[in-house]
Amino acid sequence: MKLTRLLQPSNSQGVKAEKQALLFLEQQGLSLICQNYLCKAGEIDIIMLDAETLVFIEVRFRKNSHFGGALASITAAKQKKLIRTARHYLSQLDNEPYCRFDAIAIDGLTNTPQWIKNAFQAD
C-alpha cells in the first residue's frame, strides 16, 4: 500500500497555525530540525531542538472550544500515533537524544499560542 498525503492549501488555517507556532518557538530559543515529518506511522508537525533536547511538537488549532478546544483534540489515540512516528524518526539516528513531546494549542478567539511542555509521555 502506498502512503499518500493530501496537501493542505498554503493558506489553510492549519498551515497558518503551524507557521505561527514555529515562529513562536523560535522566539523562545528552539531551533528547527524538521517540519511535517511523514512516515507510515503518521506525521509530526514540527521537530525542534531545545538546547540538547529533541522536541516533537503537535500543533492544534480550533476556532472555538465548543468541543473541548485544541488541547482536548490530542486524544490518547493521537498520542500513540505521534509516539510511533517519533520512534520511526529516532530509529534513523545514530544516537538517541533525550526527547519530549510538546503541544502548541492555538485558540481562534485569542489567536495566542499556548505552549505545553511535556504534554504527554511515551510508554
N, C-alpha and C. Protein backbone atom coordinates (compact mmCIF):
# COMPACT_ATOMS: atom_id res chain seq x y z
N MET A 1 0.84 -1.18 0.00
CA MET A 1 0.00 0.00 0.00
C MET A 1 0.88 1.24 0.00
N LYS A 2 0.63 2.13 -0.89
CA LYS A 2 1.40 3.36 -0.99
C LYS A 2 0.77 4.43 -0.10
N LEU A 3 1.63 5.13 0.64
CA LEU A 3 1.17 6.19 1.52
C LEU A 3 1.02 7.46 0.70
N THR A 4 -0.17 8.02 0.71
CA THR A 4 -0.38 9.28 0.00
C THR A 4 -0.81 10.32 1.00
N ARG A 5 -0.57 11.54 0.68
CA ARG A 5 -0.90 12.63 1.59
C ARG A 5 -1.62 13.71 0.80
N LEU A 6 -2.73 14.13 1.35
CA LEU A 6 -3.42 15.26 0.76
C LEU A 6 -2.76 16.53 1.28
N LEU A 7 -2.31 17.35 0.39
CA LEU A 7 -1.65 18.58 0.81
C LEU A 7 -2.67 19.64 1.16
N GLN A 8 -2.39 20.36 2.24
CA GLN A 8 -3.27 21.45 2.61
C GLN A 8 -2.89 22.67 1.78
N PRO A 9 -3.87 23.48 1.42
CA PRO A 9 -3.52 24.73 0.75
C PRO A 9 -2.63 25.56 1.67
N SER A 10 -1.70 26.30 1.10
CA SER A 10 -0.74 27.05 1.92
C SER A 10 -1.40 28.13 2.76
N ASN A 11 -2.65 28.46 2.47
CA ASN A 11 -3.34 29.48 3.26
C ASN A 11 -4.36 28.85 4.21
N SER A 12 -4.33 27.51 4.37
CA SER A 12 -5.28 26.86 5.26
C SER A 12 -5.00 27.26 6.71
N GLN A 13 -5.99 27.14 7.55
CA GLN A 13 -5.84 27.53 8.96
C GLN A 13 -4.78 26.68 9.65
N GLY A 14 -4.71 25.40 9.31
CA GLY A 14 -3.71 24.52 9.90
C GLY A 14 -2.29 24.92 9.54
N VAL A 15 -2.06 25.27 8.29
CA VAL A 15 -0.74 25.71 7.85
C VAL A 15 -0.38 27.02 8.53
N LYS A 16 -1.33 27.93 8.62
CA LYS A 16 -1.08 29.21 9.30
C LYS A 16 -0.74 28.99 10.77
N ALA A 17 -1.45 28.07 11.42
CA ALA A 17 -1.19 27.78 12.83
C ALA A 17 0.20 27.19 13.01
N GLU A 18 0.63 26.31 12.11
CA GLU A 18 1.96 25.72 12.20
C GLU A 18 3.04 26.78 12.01
N LYS A 19 2.83 27.70 11.08
CA LYS A 19 3.80 28.79 10.88
C LYS A 19 3.86 29.68 12.11
N GLN A 20 2.70 29.97 12.68
CA GLN A 20 2.64 30.80 13.89
C GLN A 20 3.35 30.09 15.05
N ALA A 21 3.12 28.80 15.20
CA ALA A 21 3.76 28.03 16.26
C ALA A 21 5.27 27.99 16.08
N LEU A 22 5.73 27.78 14.86
CA LEU A 22 7.16 27.74 14.57
C LEU A 22 7.83 29.06 14.93
N LEU A 23 7.24 30.16 14.51
CA LEU A 23 7.79 31.48 14.83
C LEU A 23 7.84 31.69 16.34
N PHE A 24 6.76 31.33 17.03
CA PHE A 24 6.69 31.46 18.48
C PHE A 24 7.81 30.66 19.15
N LEU A 25 7.99 29.41 18.74
CA LEU A 25 9.00 28.55 19.35
C LEU A 25 10.42 29.02 19.04
N GLU A 26 10.64 29.52 17.84
CA GLU A 26 11.96 30.08 17.51
C GLU A 26 12.25 31.30 18.40
N GLN A 27 11.23 32.10 18.69
CA GLN A 27 11.40 33.25 19.58
C GLN A 27 11.72 32.81 21.01
N GLN A 28 11.34 31.57 21.35
CA GLN A 28 11.63 31.02 22.68
C GLN A 28 13.02 30.36 22.72
N GLY A 29 13.71 30.37 21.58
CA GLY A 29 15.08 29.84 21.53
C GLY A 29 15.23 28.44 20.98
N LEU A 30 14.16 27.82 20.50
CA LEU A 30 14.26 26.49 19.92
C LEU A 30 14.74 26.60 18.47
N SER A 31 15.38 25.54 17.98
CA SER A 31 15.91 25.51 16.61
C SER A 31 15.19 24.44 15.80
N LEU A 32 14.78 24.81 14.60
CA LEU A 32 14.04 23.90 13.73
C LEU A 32 14.95 22.78 13.21
N ILE A 33 14.45 21.56 13.30
CA ILE A 33 15.11 20.39 12.71
C ILE A 33 14.33 19.95 11.47
N CYS A 34 13.00 19.84 11.60
CA CYS A 34 12.18 19.30 10.52
C CYS A 34 10.73 19.75 10.69
N GLN A 35 10.06 19.98 9.59
CA GLN A 35 8.62 20.27 9.60
C GLN A 35 7.90 19.19 8.85
N ASN A 36 6.72 18.81 9.35
CA ASN A 36 5.85 17.85 8.69
C ASN A 36 6.57 16.55 8.36
N TYR A 37 7.20 15.96 9.37
CA TYR A 37 7.85 14.66 9.20
C TYR A 37 6.76 13.61 8.99
N LEU A 38 6.87 12.88 7.90
CA LEU A 38 5.83 11.94 7.50
C LEU A 38 6.41 10.55 7.26
N CYS A 39 5.75 9.54 7.82
CA CYS A 39 6.10 8.15 7.57
C CYS A 39 4.81 7.33 7.63
N LYS A 40 4.93 6.01 7.49
CA LYS A 40 3.73 5.16 7.52
C LYS A 40 2.96 5.30 8.83
N ALA A 41 3.67 5.55 9.92
CA ALA A 41 3.03 5.64 11.24
C ALA A 41 2.20 6.90 11.41
N GLY A 42 2.58 7.97 10.72
CA GLY A 42 1.85 9.23 10.85
C GLY A 42 2.71 10.43 10.53
N GLU A 43 2.33 11.57 11.11
CA GLU A 43 3.04 12.82 10.83
C GLU A 43 3.29 13.56 12.15
N ILE A 44 4.46 14.18 12.21
CA ILE A 44 4.78 15.09 13.31
C ILE A 44 4.90 16.47 12.70
N ASP A 45 4.16 17.42 13.28
CA ASP A 45 4.11 18.77 12.71
C ASP A 45 5.47 19.45 12.69
N ILE A 46 6.13 19.48 13.84
CA ILE A 46 7.41 20.18 13.95
C ILE A 46 8.34 19.37 14.86
N ILE A 47 9.62 19.28 14.45
CA ILE A 47 10.65 18.70 15.29
C ILE A 47 11.70 19.78 15.49
N MET A 48 12.02 20.05 16.77
CA MET A 48 12.96 21.13 17.09
C MET A 48 13.94 20.68 18.16
N LEU A 49 14.99 21.47 18.33
CA LEU A 49 15.92 21.27 19.44
C LEU A 49 15.72 22.38 20.45
N ASP A 50 15.60 21.98 21.72
CA ASP A 50 15.54 22.90 22.84
C ASP A 50 16.78 22.60 23.67
N ALA A 51 17.83 23.39 23.46
CA ALA A 51 19.16 23.09 24.00
C ALA A 51 19.57 21.74 23.40
N GLU A 52 19.71 20.68 24.22
CA GLU A 52 20.10 19.37 23.70
C GLU A 52 18.94 18.39 23.69
N THR A 53 17.74 18.88 23.91
CA THR A 53 16.55 18.03 23.93
C THR A 53 15.85 18.08 22.58
N LEU A 54 15.58 16.92 22.01
CA LEU A 54 14.82 16.82 20.77
C LEU A 54 13.34 16.89 21.13
N VAL A 55 12.63 17.81 20.51
CA VAL A 55 11.23 18.06 20.87
C VAL A 55 10.33 17.77 19.67
N PHE A 56 9.37 16.87 19.89
CA PHE A 56 8.36 16.56 18.89
C PHE A 56 7.13 17.39 19.25
N ILE A 57 6.67 18.21 18.31
CA ILE A 57 5.63 19.18 18.62
C ILE A 57 4.39 18.95 17.77
N GLU A 58 3.26 18.84 18.46
CA GLU A 58 1.95 18.74 17.81
C GLU A 58 1.29 20.11 17.91
N VAL A 59 0.87 20.64 16.77
CA VAL A 59 0.21 21.94 16.72
C VAL A 59 -1.27 21.71 16.48
N ARG A 60 -2.10 22.32 17.32
CA ARG A 60 -3.55 22.18 17.19
C ARG A 60 -4.19 23.56 17.18
N PHE A 61 -5.09 23.75 16.23
CA PHE A 61 -5.86 24.99 16.13
C PHE A 61 -7.34 24.64 16.20
N ARG A 62 -8.07 25.42 16.95
CA ARG A 62 -9.53 25.29 16.98
C ARG A 62 -10.12 26.69 16.97
N LYS A 63 -11.14 26.87 16.13
CA LYS A 63 -11.84 28.16 16.05
C LYS A 63 -12.47 28.54 17.38
N ASN A 64 -13.00 27.51 18.07
CA ASN A 64 -13.67 27.75 19.34
C ASN A 64 -13.50 26.51 20.21
N SER A 65 -14.01 26.58 21.42
CA SER A 65 -13.85 25.45 22.34
C SER A 65 -15.14 24.67 22.54
N HIS A 66 -16.03 24.72 21.58
CA HIS A 66 -17.31 24.02 21.70
C HIS A 66 -17.14 22.52 21.91
N PHE A 67 -16.08 21.95 21.39
CA PHE A 67 -15.87 20.51 21.53
C PHE A 67 -14.61 20.21 22.33
N GLY A 68 -14.28 21.08 23.27
CA GLY A 68 -13.15 20.84 24.15
C GLY A 68 -11.90 21.62 23.83
N GLY A 69 -11.86 22.31 22.72
CA GLY A 69 -10.70 23.13 22.40
C GLY A 69 -9.56 22.34 21.78
N ALA A 70 -8.49 23.06 21.50
CA ALA A 70 -7.35 22.49 20.77
C ALA A 70 -6.65 21.39 21.56
N LEU A 71 -6.39 21.61 22.83
CA LEU A 71 -5.67 20.60 23.61
C LEU A 71 -6.46 19.31 23.76
N ALA A 72 -7.76 19.43 23.92
CA ALA A 72 -8.60 18.24 24.08
C ALA A 72 -8.59 17.37 22.83
N SER A 73 -8.20 17.93 21.71
CA SER A 73 -8.19 17.16 20.47
C SER A 73 -6.97 16.26 20.34
N ILE A 74 -6.04 16.35 21.28
CA ILE A 74 -4.88 15.44 21.27
C ILE A 74 -5.25 14.24 22.14
N THR A 75 -5.98 13.34 21.55
CA THR A 75 -6.52 12.17 22.24
C THR A 75 -5.42 11.14 22.53
N ALA A 76 -5.77 10.14 23.31
CA ALA A 76 -4.83 9.04 23.58
C ALA A 76 -4.42 8.35 22.28
N ALA A 77 -5.36 8.17 21.37
CA ALA A 77 -5.06 7.54 20.08
C ALA A 77 -4.08 8.40 19.28
N LYS A 78 -4.29 9.71 19.29
CA LYS A 78 -3.39 10.63 18.59
C LYS A 78 -2.00 10.59 19.22
N GLN A 79 -1.94 10.53 20.53
CA GLN A 79 -0.66 10.46 21.23
C GLN A 79 0.10 9.20 20.83
N LYS A 80 -0.59 8.06 20.77
CA LYS A 80 0.05 6.80 20.37
C LYS A 80 0.61 6.91 18.95
N LYS A 81 -0.14 7.54 18.08
CA LYS A 81 0.30 7.72 16.70
C LYS A 81 1.55 8.60 16.64
N LEU A 82 1.56 9.67 17.43
CA LEU A 82 2.72 10.56 17.48
C LEU A 82 3.95 9.82 18.04
N ILE A 83 3.73 9.01 19.05
CA ILE A 83 4.83 8.24 19.65
C ILE A 83 5.41 7.26 18.63
N ARG A 84 4.55 6.56 17.90
CA ARG A 84 5.03 5.62 16.87
C ARG A 84 5.83 6.37 15.80
N THR A 85 5.34 7.53 15.40
CA THR A 85 6.03 8.32 14.38
C THR A 85 7.37 8.81 14.90
N ALA A 86 7.41 9.25 16.14
CA ALA A 86 8.67 9.70 16.74
C ALA A 86 9.67 8.55 16.82
N ARG A 87 9.20 7.36 17.18
CA ARG A 87 10.09 6.20 17.24
C ARG A 87 10.69 5.90 15.86
N HIS A 88 9.88 6.06 14.82
CA HIS A 88 10.38 5.86 13.46
C HIS A 88 11.47 6.88 13.15
N TYR A 89 11.23 8.14 13.50
CA TYR A 89 12.23 9.19 13.28
C TYR A 89 13.52 8.85 14.04
N LEU A 90 13.38 8.47 15.31
CA LEU A 90 14.55 8.18 16.15
C LEU A 90 15.33 6.97 15.65
N SER A 91 14.66 6.03 15.02
CA SER A 91 15.33 4.83 14.52
C SER A 91 16.35 5.15 13.43
N GLN A 92 16.24 6.31 12.84
CA GLN A 92 17.15 6.72 11.77
C GLN A 92 18.39 7.44 12.30
N LEU A 93 18.43 7.72 13.59
CA LEU A 93 19.55 8.44 14.20
C LEU A 93 20.58 7.47 14.75
N ASP A 94 21.84 7.88 14.76
CA ASP A 94 22.90 7.04 15.32
C ASP A 94 22.79 6.96 16.84
N ASN A 95 22.51 8.08 17.47
CA ASN A 95 22.38 8.14 18.92
C ASN A 95 21.04 8.77 19.26
N GLU A 96 20.33 8.14 20.18
CA GLU A 96 19.02 8.67 20.56
C GLU A 96 19.18 9.74 21.63
N PRO A 97 18.79 10.97 21.33
CA PRO A 97 18.91 12.05 22.32
C PRO A 97 17.75 11.99 23.32
N TYR A 98 17.88 12.80 24.37
CA TYR A 98 16.75 12.97 25.27
C TYR A 98 15.64 13.64 24.47
N CYS A 99 14.40 13.18 24.64
CA CYS A 99 13.28 13.69 23.84
C CYS A 99 12.10 14.05 24.74
N ARG A 100 11.21 14.87 24.19
CA ARG A 100 9.95 15.13 24.86
C ARG A 100 8.90 15.47 23.80
N PHE A 101 7.65 15.39 24.22
CA PHE A 101 6.52 15.73 23.36
C PHE A 101 5.87 16.99 23.90
N ASP A 102 5.82 18.02 23.08
CA ASP A 102 5.17 19.28 23.43
C ASP A 102 3.95 19.48 22.56
N ALA A 103 3.09 20.37 23.00
CA ALA A 103 1.92 20.74 22.21
C ALA A 103 1.82 22.25 22.16
N ILE A 104 1.41 22.74 21.02
CA ILE A 104 1.07 24.15 20.87
C ILE A 104 -0.41 24.19 20.51
N ALA A 105 -1.18 24.85 21.35
CA ALA A 105 -2.62 24.99 21.12
C ALA A 105 -2.90 26.45 20.77
N ILE A 106 -3.62 26.64 19.69
CA ILE A 106 -3.98 27.99 19.28
C ILE A 106 -5.50 28.07 19.21
N ASP A 107 -6.03 28.94 19.99
CA ASP A 107 -7.48 29.18 20.09
C ASP A 107 -7.83 30.29 19.10
N GLY A 108 -8.82 30.07 18.28
CA GLY A 108 -9.21 31.04 17.27
C GLY A 108 -9.70 32.37 17.83
N LEU A 109 -10.14 32.39 19.08
CA LEU A 109 -10.64 33.63 19.67
C LEU A 109 -9.49 34.55 20.07
N THR A 110 -8.47 34.00 20.74
CA THR A 110 -7.35 34.83 21.18
C THR A 110 -6.20 34.80 20.19
N ASN A 111 -6.10 33.71 19.45
CA ASN A 111 -5.03 33.50 18.46
C ASN A 111 -3.65 33.54 19.09
N THR A 112 -3.57 33.27 20.39
CA THR A 112 -2.31 33.26 21.11
C THR A 112 -1.87 31.82 21.34
N PRO A 113 -0.63 31.47 20.96
CA PRO A 113 -0.16 30.11 21.19
C PRO A 113 -0.04 29.79 22.68
N GLN A 114 -0.50 28.61 23.05
CA GLN A 114 -0.33 28.10 24.40
C GLN A 114 0.62 26.92 24.29
N TRP A 115 1.79 27.03 24.94
CA TRP A 115 2.84 26.02 24.81
C TRP A 115 2.80 25.11 26.03
N ILE A 116 2.58 23.85 25.81
CA ILE A 116 2.58 22.87 26.87
C ILE A 116 3.80 21.96 26.68
N LYS A 117 4.80 22.13 27.55
CA LYS A 117 5.99 21.28 27.52
C LYS A 117 5.64 19.95 28.17
N ASN A 118 6.22 18.88 27.66
CA ASN A 118 5.94 17.54 28.19
C ASN A 118 4.45 17.27 28.24
N ALA A 119 3.78 17.55 27.13
CA ALA A 119 2.32 17.40 27.06
C ALA A 119 1.88 15.97 27.33
N PHE A 120 2.71 15.00 26.96
CA PHE A 120 2.44 13.60 27.25
C PHE A 120 3.76 12.84 27.16
N GLN A 121 3.75 11.61 27.65
CA GLN A 121 4.96 10.78 27.71
C GLN A 121 4.79 9.53 26.88
N ALA A 122 5.90 9.04 26.36
CA ALA A 122 5.90 7.73 25.70
C ALA A 122 5.89 6.67 26.79
N ASP A 123 5.36 5.52 26.48
CA ASP A 123 5.29 4.42 27.47
C ASP A 123 6.65 4.01 27.96
